[in-house]
């Protein structure tokens, strides 16, 4: 395929998205990461340039996909050289950041004659590698249409939400509800364990009743077995719930369940469990586990 693609942020998500696109016929022109060794290793694998600065990524690419950690990182890359020689380029931004940052990025890109699109991901590392991400997109409709051939290779479910910032709002709500469900499941299984119930049986009952949820499938067994290999960290859960709560504050809404959930993930960070998977919130709810206290 004729379009050359660059990546900024090639941790586990970004790297697997790059691998997927190369396998489906796209040319990966350049990769950049704050951890230069990570970028160099992936560049060797994909036979592309490991850029030592951001402007090189833009210069070598037609489409630049960014997968960075937070608002601060997004501002840093877009003021740190990424928009040099950006005219005519498309920037697809996949980080979970505040809606206002996506609006800011769109304005910065437009001033340079470039286009931007938010492509918010509601999936994990395995889906990135398989090209089965759930992507929620925000930006100008024509930019979405131009980016669609790339996005369709990354996604099994592709949805256009609206103008800049709107997809990020939806993603914030998705993660807020997911995090609350995860914390509630941890409490249910923790109480079940304290009552000496068979947790495998309890999970099966949950799955057949109103206690059913997506996180029951993804996190329930891990909570039971204390397997918290990280696919979506507690630190990220705290950040994303915080984004939703900021939106709620702007709308003068009180969301007590979301507030309580964020406090749980903040506590995980405080006691050194922030890099565990979000399923690690069960460490706070099972008797005898590291973070449990009454």
Protein backbone atom coordinates (compact mmCIF):
# COMPACT_ATOMS: atom_id res chain seq x y z
CA UNK A 1 0.00 0.00 0.00
CA UNK A 2 1.26 3.45 -0.90
CA UNK A 3 0.77 5.26 2.42
CA UNK A 4 3.77 5.25 4.72
CA UNK A 5 2.99 5.08 8.43
CA UNK A 6 4.97 6.32 11.39
CA UNK A 7 4.41 5.49 15.05
CA UNK A 8 5.11 7.62 18.10
CA UNK A 9 4.86 5.45 21.22
CA UNK A 10 5.72 1.81 20.61
CA UNK A 11 5.03 0.16 23.92
CA UNK A 12 3.01 -3.03 23.86
CA UNK A 13 -0.04 -1.46 22.20
CA UNK A 14 1.78 0.69 19.66
CA UNK A 15 4.26 -2.03 18.72
CA UNK A 16 1.53 -4.59 18.09
CA UNK A 17 -0.48 -2.11 16.01
CA UNK A 18 2.63 -1.49 13.90
CA UNK A 19 3.19 -5.22 13.44
CA UNK A 20 -0.42 -5.69 12.42
CA UNK A 21 -0.32 -2.94 9.81
CA UNK A 22 2.91 -4.21 8.30
CA UNK A 23 1.43 -7.70 8.01
CA UNK A 24 -1.60 -6.31 6.19
CA UNK A 25 0.49 -4.59 3.53
CA UNK A 26 1.25 -1.13 4.89
CA UNK A 27 4.78 0.28 5.01
CA UNK A 28 5.97 1.24 8.47
CA UNK A 29 8.42 4.06 7.75
CA UNK A 30 9.57 5.12 11.20
CA UNK A 31 9.02 4.49 14.89
CA UNK A 32 9.82 6.67 17.88
CA UNK A 33 9.60 6.08 21.61
CA UNK A 34 10.82 7.91 24.69
CA UNK A 35 12.63 4.64 25.41
CA UNK A 36 15.03 4.64 22.46
CA UNK A 37 15.99 1.00 22.96
CA UNK A 38 12.37 -0.08 22.52
CA UNK A 39 12.11 1.85 19.25
CA UNK A 40 15.40 0.45 17.97
CA UNK A 41 14.37 -3.12 18.69
CA UNK A 42 11.04 -2.73 16.89
CA UNK A 43 12.65 -0.88 13.98
CA UNK A 44 15.04 -3.78 13.47
CA UNK A 45 12.12 -6.22 13.48
CA UNK A 46 10.06 -4.17 11.02
CA UNK A 47 13.01 -3.01 8.89
CA UNK A 48 12.21 0.67 9.34
CA UNK A 49 13.84 3.78 10.79
CA UNK A 50 14.21 4.19 14.53
CA UNK A 51 13.79 7.95 14.61
CA UNK A 52 15.85 9.86 17.13
CA UNK A 53 13.56 12.88 16.95
CA UNK A 54 9.90 13.52 16.25
CA UNK A 55 10.34 15.60 13.11
CA UNK A 56 11.95 12.62 11.38
CA UNK A 57 8.83 10.51 11.96
CA UNK A 58 6.68 13.15 10.29
CA UNK A 59 9.12 13.69 7.43
CA UNK A 60 9.19 9.98 6.56
CA UNK A 61 5.46 9.29 6.97
CA UNK A 62 2.13 10.14 5.39
CA UNK A 63 0.16 9.05 8.45
CA UNK A 64 1.46 9.28 12.01
CA UNK A 65 -0.16 7.16 14.74
CA UNK A 66 0.45 8.30 18.30
CA UNK A 67 0.03 5.97 21.28
CA UNK A 68 1.26 7.87 24.33
CA UNK A 69 0.33 7.81 27.99
CA UNK A 70 -1.47 11.02 28.96
CA UNK A 71 -2.22 14.70 28.31
CA UNK A 72 1.28 15.80 29.21
CA UNK A 73 2.86 13.36 26.78
CA UNK A 74 0.51 14.44 23.99
CA UNK A 75 1.36 18.10 24.49
CA UNK A 76 5.05 17.28 24.62
CA UNK A 77 5.13 15.47 21.29
CA UNK A 78 2.94 17.97 19.43
CA UNK A 79 5.05 20.91 20.63
CA UNK A 80 8.31 18.99 20.37
CA UNK A 81 8.80 18.73 16.64
CA UNK A 82 6.06 16.36 15.47
CA UNK A 83 4.32 19.11 13.51
CA UNK A 84 7.40 20.18 11.54
CA UNK A 85 6.88 19.45 7.82
CA UNK A 86 3.35 18.31 8.72
CA UNK A 87 1.42 19.84 5.82
CA UNK A 88 -0.89 17.27 4.23
CA UNK A 89 -0.16 14.63 6.88
CA UNK A 90 -2.77 12.79 8.97
CA UNK A 91 -2.25 12.27 12.71
CA UNK A 92 -4.25 9.43 14.30
CA UNK A 93 -4.17 9.71 18.08
CA UNK A 94 -4.96 6.58 20.06
CA UNK A 95 -4.10 7.58 23.62
CA UNK A 96 -6.72 7.85 26.35
CA UNK A 97 -6.48 11.56 27.12
CA UNK A 98 -8.93 14.29 28.02
CA UNK A 99 -11.32 15.40 25.26
CA UNK A 100 -9.88 18.91 25.43
CA UNK A 101 -6.46 17.63 24.35
CA UNK A 102 -7.92 16.12 21.17
CA UNK A 103 -9.55 19.47 20.35
CA UNK A 104 -6.22 21.20 21.02
CA UNK A 105 -4.35 18.73 18.77
CA UNK A 106 -6.86 19.25 15.94
CA UNK A 107 -6.34 23.01 16.15
CA UNK A 108 -2.55 22.67 16.18
CA UNK A 109 -2.63 20.34 13.18
CA UNK A 110 -4.99 22.58 11.21
CA UNK A 111 -2.66 25.53 11.72
CA UNK A 112 0.07 23.50 9.98
CA UNK A 113 -2.13 22.29 7.14
CA UNK A 114 -2.42 18.82 8.63
CA UNK A 115 -5.37 16.72 9.83
CA UNK A 116 -6.01 14.82 13.04
CA UNK A 117 -8.34 12.11 14.22
CA UNK A 118 -8.86 10.57 17.61
CA UNK A 119 -9.13 6.78 17.51
CA UNK A 120 -9.88 5.77 21.09
CA UNK A 121 -9.28 2.10 21.87
CA UNK A 122 -11.53 -0.02 24.07
CA UNK A 123 -9.43 -3.16 23.74
CA UNK A 124 -6.14 -4.61 24.88
CA UNK A 125 -2.79 -5.91 23.68
CA UNK A 126 -4.08 -9.15 22.16
CA UNK A 127 -6.65 -7.29 20.08
CA UNK A 128 -4.00 -4.82 18.89
CA UNK A 129 -1.94 -7.72 17.55
CA UNK A 130 -4.92 -9.43 15.94
CA UNK A 131 -6.37 -6.30 14.38
CA UNK A 132 -9.58 -6.66 16.36
CA UNK A 133 -9.54 -3.41 18.34
CA UNK A 134 -12.78 -1.60 19.18
CA UNK A 135 -12.11 1.91 17.89
CA UNK A 136 -14.18 5.00 18.61
CA UNK A 137 -13.26 7.89 16.35
CA UNK A 138 -13.70 11.63 16.60
CA UNK A 139 -12.79 14.43 14.22
CA UNK A 140 -13.90 15.79 10.89
CA UNK A 141 -15.87 13.19 8.86
CA UNK A 142 -13.64 13.53 5.81
CA UNK A 143 -10.54 12.80 7.90
CA UNK A 144 -12.23 9.69 9.26
CA UNK A 145 -13.00 8.54 5.71
CA UNK A 146 -9.40 9.15 4.63
CA UNK A 147 -8.06 7.18 7.58
CA UNK A 148 -10.59 4.36 7.31
CA UNK A 149 -8.43 1.97 5.18
CA UNK A 150 -5.84 1.97 7.97
CA UNK A 151 -8.33 1.83 10.83
CA UNK A 152 -10.19 -1.11 9.27
CA UNK A 153 -7.01 -3.19 9.40
CA UNK A 154 -6.66 -2.46 13.10
CA UNK A 155 -10.28 -2.84 14.14
CA UNK A 156 -13.03 -5.42 14.20
CA UNK A 157 -15.48 -2.73 15.37
CA UNK A 158 -15.04 0.76 13.99
CA UNK A 159 -17.40 3.55 15.06
CA UNK A 160 -17.46 7.22 14.15
CA UNK A 161 -18.73 9.16 17.17
CA UNK A 162 -18.57 12.82 16.17
CA UNK A 163 -16.34 15.86 16.11
CA UNK A 164 -13.05 16.19 18.01
CA UNK A 165 -13.34 15.31 21.68
CA UNK A 166 -16.58 13.33 21.41
CA UNK A 167 -14.98 9.92 21.03
CA UNK A 168 -12.74 10.69 24.00
CA UNK A 169 -15.83 11.50 26.06
CA UNK A 170 -17.34 8.12 25.18
CA UNK A 171 -14.06 6.33 25.93
CA UNK A 172 -13.89 8.01 29.33
CA UNK A 173 -17.37 6.73 30.14
CA UNK A 174 -16.55 3.24 28.90
CA UNK A 175 -13.53 3.03 31.17
CA UNK A 176 -15.33 4.61 34.11
CA UNK A 177 -18.08 1.97 33.96
CA UNK A 178 -15.56 -0.83 33.32
CA UNK A 179 -13.46 0.22 36.31
CA UNK A 180 -16.52 0.41 38.56
CA UNK A 181 -17.64 -3.05 37.42
CA UNK A 182 -14.15 -4.40 38.10
CA UNK A 183 -14.08 -3.00 41.63
CA UNK A 184 -17.58 -4.34 42.33
CA UNK A 185 -16.62 -7.80 41.06
CA UNK A 186 -13.57 -7.79 43.34
CA UNK A 187 -15.81 -7.04 46.31
CA UNK A 188 -18.28 -9.76 45.37
CA UNK A 189 -15.58 -12.39 45.00
CA UNK A 190 -13.77 -11.15 48.10
CA UNK A 191 -16.91 -11.51 50.20
CA UNK A 192 -17.59 -14.89 48.61
CA UNK A 193 -14.13 -16.07 49.62
CA UNK A 194 -14.68 -14.82 53.18
CA UNK A 195 -17.93 -16.81 53.31
CA UNK A 196 -15.98 -19.90 52.18
CA UNK A 197 -17.99 -20.18 48.95
CA UNK A 198 -16.60 -22.02 45.95
CA UNK A 199 -15.46 -19.12 43.79
CA UNK A 200 -15.62 -21.06 40.53
CA UNK A 201 -19.25 -21.85 41.29
CA UNK A 202 -19.85 -18.23 42.29
CA UNK A 203 -18.41 -16.93 39.02
CA UNK A 204 -20.65 -19.31 37.10
CA UNK A 205 -23.71 -18.07 39.00
CA UNK A 206 -22.68 -14.47 38.35
CA UNK A 207 -22.40 -15.26 34.63
CA UNK A 208 -25.97 -16.60 34.54
CA UNK A 209 -27.62 -13.77 36.47
CA UNK A 210 -27.78 -10.00 36.68
CA UNK A 211 -24.23 -9.98 38.09
CA UNK A 212 -22.93 -10.80 34.60
CA UNK A 213 -20.47 -8.30 33.09
CA UNK A 214 -17.62 -8.13 30.62
CA UNK A 215 -15.05 -7.89 33.40
CA UNK A 216 -16.39 -11.11 34.91
CA UNK A 217 -15.07 -12.86 31.81
CA UNK A 218 -11.78 -10.99 31.58
CA UNK A 219 -10.90 -10.56 35.26
CA UNK A 220 -12.90 -12.97 37.42
CA UNK A 221 -10.64 -16.01 37.15
CA UNK A 222 -7.55 -13.81 37.49
CA UNK A 223 -8.92 -12.33 40.72
CA UNK A 224 -9.58 -15.81 42.07
CA UNK A 225 -6.11 -17.08 41.11
CA UNK A 226 -4.25 -13.83 41.95
CA UNK A 227 -2.90 -13.64 38.41
CA UNK A 228 -2.58 -9.92 37.73
CA UNK A 229 -0.36 -9.92 34.65
CA UNK A 230 -0.80 -6.45 33.27
CA UNK A 231 -3.01 -5.80 30.27
CA UNK A 232 -4.56 -2.59 31.63
CA UNK A 233 -2.85 -1.28 34.73
CA UNK A 234 -4.40 0.01 37.92
CA UNK A 235 -2.52 3.26 37.32
CA UNK A 236 -4.24 3.64 33.96
CA UNK A 237 -7.58 2.80 35.56
CA UNK A 238 -7.08 5.59 38.09
CA UNK A 239 -6.12 8.04 35.35
CA UNK A 240 -9.10 7.15 33.15
CA UNK A 241 -11.63 7.29 35.98
CA UNK A 242 -10.16 10.68 36.78
CA UNK A 243 -10.85 11.89 33.25
CA UNK A 244 -14.50 10.88 33.57
CA UNK A 245 -14.80 12.52 36.99
CA UNK A 246 -13.38 15.75 35.60
CA UNK A 247 -16.10 15.68 32.92
CA UNK A 248 -18.70 15.05 35.63
CA UNK A 249 -17.42 18.00 37.66
CA UNK A 250 -17.70 20.24 34.60
CA UNK A 251 -21.34 19.15 34.28
CA UNK A 252 -21.92 19.60 38.04
CA UNK A 253 -22.76 15.90 38.47
CA UNK A 254 -21.94 13.82 41.53
CA UNK A 255 -20.87 10.25 40.72
CA UNK A 256 -20.26 8.54 44.08
CA UNK A 257 -19.57 5.07 42.66
CA UNK A 258 -16.97 6.41 40.24
CA UNK A 259 -15.40 8.43 43.05
CA UNK A 260 -15.19 5.36 45.31
CA UNK A 261 -13.71 3.29 42.47
CA UNK A 262 -11.01 5.84 41.75
CA UNK A 263 -10.10 5.87 45.44
CA UNK A 264 -9.54 2.10 45.25
CA UNK A 265 -7.17 2.43 42.29
CA UNK A 266 -5.44 5.42 43.90
CA UNK A 267 -4.90 3.25 46.96
CA UNK A 268 -3.33 0.53 44.81
CA UNK A 269 -0.85 3.08 43.50
CA UNK A 270 -0.12 4.33 47.02
CA UNK A 271 0.75 0.86 48.33
CA UNK A 272 2.87 -0.05 45.31
CA UNK A 273 0.37 -2.09 43.29
CA UNK A 274 -0.26 0.46 40.54
CA UNK A 275 1.51 -1.56 37.84
CA UNK A 276 -0.63 -4.62 38.42
CA UNK A 277 -3.51 -5.24 36.06
CA UNK A 278 -6.77 -3.58 37.11
CA UNK A 279 -7.90 -7.05 38.30
CA UNK A 280 -5.40 -6.49 41.12
CA UNK A 281 -8.04 -4.39 42.87
CA UNK A 282 -9.04 -7.79 44.31
CA UNK A 283 -5.92 -7.54 46.47
CA UNK A 284 -7.83 -4.87 48.42
CA UNK A 285 -10.96 -6.96 48.97
CA UNK A 286 -9.89 -10.53 49.80
CA UNK A 287 -9.07 -11.35 53.41
CA UNK A 288 -5.37 -11.92 53.97
CA UNK A 289 -4.20 -10.31 50.76
CA UNK A 290 -1.59 -7.57 50.66
CA UNK A 291 -3.84 -4.52 50.55
CA UNK A 292 -6.81 -5.75 52.57
CA UNK A 293 -7.79 -3.88 55.69
CA UNK A 294 -11.10 -3.02 57.31
